[in-house]
Amino acid sequence: MDLRHDMLTHGVYIVCAQHGERRAGLAVAWATQLATDRLAICVGSQSATRALILDAQAFGFSALGADQVDIARRFGRQSSRTVDKLAGLGWHTAVTGSPLLDDCLLALDCRVEAVHDVGASKLIVGRIVAAERRREQGAPLIYREEDYA
């Protein structure tokens, strides 16, 4: 089967976690809503953020707007092991203490409900414990294989 990945589009989201004094974040495009109060994200084994999500058993999920390619690249092209990706950005916390971006379309605070192995990645199911619409209008940022639309 010849499935071209650039034929599938995905929204772009920033996922952040904090455990103790450590915090990290990454850009993800593999995310989906499972129910009105649950969503799933897929995070690779190389991610420093994945370890914090699993330690904290929580994560913040911020949906980016079409005008936020720079934020997507900031969180997608650097490692949280060497860079504080949240430095200089406005962010806040809600129920779980996970960082949520101030400037985004939607912010969801999630508690980890289940974790499933998917090859070298983890499919992490989160139960939404707080939701904030951050902008009244705006189109979502769309990711297509190795680029943004």
Protein backbone atom coordinates (compact mmCIF):
# COMPACT_ATOMS: atom_id res chain seq x y z
CA MET A 1 0.00 0.00 0.00
CA ASP A 2 1.38 3.39 -0.99
CA LEU A 3 -0.01 5.83 1.55
CA ARG A 4 1.54 9.25 1.17
CA HIS A 5 1.64 10.89 4.58
CA ASP A 6 1.45 14.34 3.03
CA MET A 7 -2.11 13.53 2.00
CA LEU A 8 -3.20 13.50 5.65
CA THR A 9 -3.43 16.78 7.50
CA HIS A 10 -3.38 17.36 11.25
CA GLY A 11 -3.76 20.27 13.60
CA VAL A 12 -0.65 21.46 15.44
CA TYR A 13 -0.61 21.40 19.22
CA ILE A 14 1.86 22.24 21.95
CA VAL A 15 1.99 19.66 24.73
CA CYS A 16 3.73 20.64 27.97
CA ALA A 17 4.35 18.97 31.30
CA GLN A 18 5.88 19.94 34.60
CA HIS A 19 7.09 17.68 37.37
CA GLY A 20 8.80 19.30 40.34
CA GLU A 21 11.16 21.96 38.99
CA ARG A 22 11.42 20.34 35.55
CA ARG A 23 9.24 21.46 32.67
CA ALA A 24 9.24 20.60 28.99
CA GLY A 25 7.16 20.92 25.86
CA LEU A 26 6.92 19.67 22.31
CA ALA A 27 4.89 20.22 19.16
CA VAL A 28 2.63 17.34 18.17
CA ALA A 29 0.45 16.73 15.16
CA TRP A 30 -0.67 13.22 16.13
CA ALA A 31 -3.55 14.05 18.45
CA THR A 32 -7.24 13.34 18.38
CA GLN A 33 -10.32 13.83 20.52
CA LEU A 34 -11.73 10.51 21.71
CA ALA A 35 -14.79 11.82 23.55
CA THR A 36 -16.04 15.14 24.89
CA ASP A 37 -13.73 14.76 27.88
CA ARG A 38 -10.82 12.70 26.50
CA LEU A 39 -8.07 13.09 23.93
CA ALA A 40 -5.08 11.07 22.80
CA ILE A 41 -1.59 12.17 21.85
CA CYS A 42 1.24 10.12 20.40
CA VAL A 43 4.75 10.91 21.68
CA GLY A 44 7.99 9.31 20.53
CA SER A 45 10.61 7.73 22.76
CA GLN A 46 13.17 10.45 22.02
CA SER A 47 11.00 13.12 23.66
CA ALA A 48 12.12 14.62 26.98
CA THR A 49 8.53 15.79 27.44
CA ARG A 50 7.19 12.24 27.36
CA ALA A 51 9.10 11.32 30.53
CA LEU A 52 7.69 14.36 32.34
CA ILE A 53 4.15 13.55 31.22
CA LEU A 54 4.50 10.06 32.61
CA ASP A 55 6.10 11.30 35.85
CA ALA A 56 3.51 14.04 36.39
CA GLN A 57 0.61 11.94 35.09
CA ALA A 58 -0.67 15.15 33.46
CA PHE A 59 -0.11 17.42 30.48
CA GLY A 60 -1.21 20.73 29.05
CA PHE A 61 -2.50 20.82 25.47
CA SER A 62 -2.56 24.11 23.54
CA ALA A 63 -4.02 24.31 20.01
CA LEU A 64 -2.10 26.70 17.74
CA GLY A 65 -3.58 29.16 15.28
CA ALA A 66 -2.59 29.49 11.62
CA ASP A 67 -0.48 32.54 12.52
CA GLN A 68 1.74 30.61 14.98
CA VAL A 69 4.20 28.72 12.77
CA ASP A 70 7.06 30.29 14.76
CA ILE A 71 5.76 28.73 18.00
CA ALA A 72 5.36 25.33 16.30
CA ARG A 73 8.96 25.50 15.08
CA ARG A 74 10.22 26.63 18.51
CA PHE A 75 8.66 23.58 20.16
CA GLY A 76 9.34 21.20 17.28
CA ARG A 77 12.96 21.84 16.37
CA GLN A 78 14.70 22.02 19.76
CA SER A 79 15.06 19.63 22.68
CA SER A 80 13.66 20.45 26.10
CA ARG A 81 16.79 18.79 27.47
CA THR A 82 18.84 21.83 26.43
CA VAL A 83 16.31 24.67 25.95
CA ASP A 84 13.49 26.06 28.09
CA LYS A 85 10.97 26.40 25.27
CA LEU A 86 8.54 28.30 27.51
CA ALA A 87 11.07 31.03 28.37
CA GLY A 88 9.79 34.40 27.21
CA LEU A 89 6.31 33.10 26.38
CA GLY A 90 3.14 33.82 28.29
CA TRP A 91 1.82 30.70 29.97
CA HIS A 92 -0.26 29.69 32.94
CA THR A 93 -1.52 26.60 34.74
CA ALA A 94 -4.99 25.34 35.56
CA VAL A 95 -5.86 22.25 37.62
CA THR A 96 -2.89 19.89 37.13
CA GLY A 97 -0.04 22.41 37.17
CA SER A 98 0.85 21.64 33.55
CA PRO A 99 1.89 24.66 31.46
CA LEU A 100 -0.72 26.02 29.02
CA LEU A 101 0.08 28.73 26.46
CA ASP A 102 -1.68 32.07 26.96
CA ASP A 103 -1.69 32.76 23.22
CA CYS A 104 -3.42 29.82 21.55
CA LEU A 105 -6.85 28.93 20.20
CA LEU A 106 -7.74 26.44 22.92
CA ALA A 107 -6.03 25.20 26.08
CA LEU A 108 -6.86 21.83 27.66
CA ASP A 109 -5.51 20.61 30.98
CA CYS A 110 -5.39 16.80 31.10
CA ARG A 111 -4.72 14.02 33.56
CA VAL A 112 -3.18 10.86 32.12
CA GLU A 113 -5.79 8.11 32.07
CA ALA A 114 -4.07 5.40 30.01
CA VAL A 115 -0.79 4.76 28.20
CA HIS A 116 -0.37 2.30 25.34
CA ASP A 117 2.81 1.23 23.55
CA VAL A 118 2.73 1.87 19.80
CA GLY A 119 6.13 0.79 18.52
CA ALA A 120 8.70 3.23 19.92
CA SER A 121 5.94 5.73 20.69
CA LYS A 122 3.41 5.98 23.48
CA LEU A 123 -0.24 6.69 22.87
CA ILE A 124 -1.25 8.73 25.89
CA VAL A 125 -4.94 9.15 26.69
CA GLY A 126 -5.76 12.21 28.74
CA ARG A 127 -8.95 13.09 30.58
CA ILE A 128 -9.70 16.79 30.17
CA VAL A 129 -10.08 18.41 33.60
CA ALA A 130 -10.12 22.06 32.46
CA ALA A 131 -10.75 23.75 29.11
CA GLU A 132 -10.27 27.36 28.03
CA ARG A 133 -11.13 28.97 24.72
CA ARG A 134 -8.30 31.49 24.42
CA ARG A 135 -9.27 33.22 21.15
CA GLU A 136 -12.76 33.92 19.91
CA GLN A 137 -11.76 33.49 16.27
CA GLY A 138 -8.94 32.05 14.24
CA ALA A 139 -8.14 29.18 11.93
CA PRO A 140 -6.05 26.28 13.28
CA LEU A 141 -2.47 25.71 12.19
CA ILE A 142 -2.37 22.65 9.94
CA TYR A 143 0.63 20.31 9.65
CA ARG A 144 1.40 18.37 6.52
CA GLU A 145 4.40 16.10 6.28
CA GLU A 146 7.42 18.26 7.16
CA ASP A 147 5.66 21.59 6.62
CA TYR A 148 2.76 23.78 7.68
CA ALA A 149 -0.20 24.93 5.64
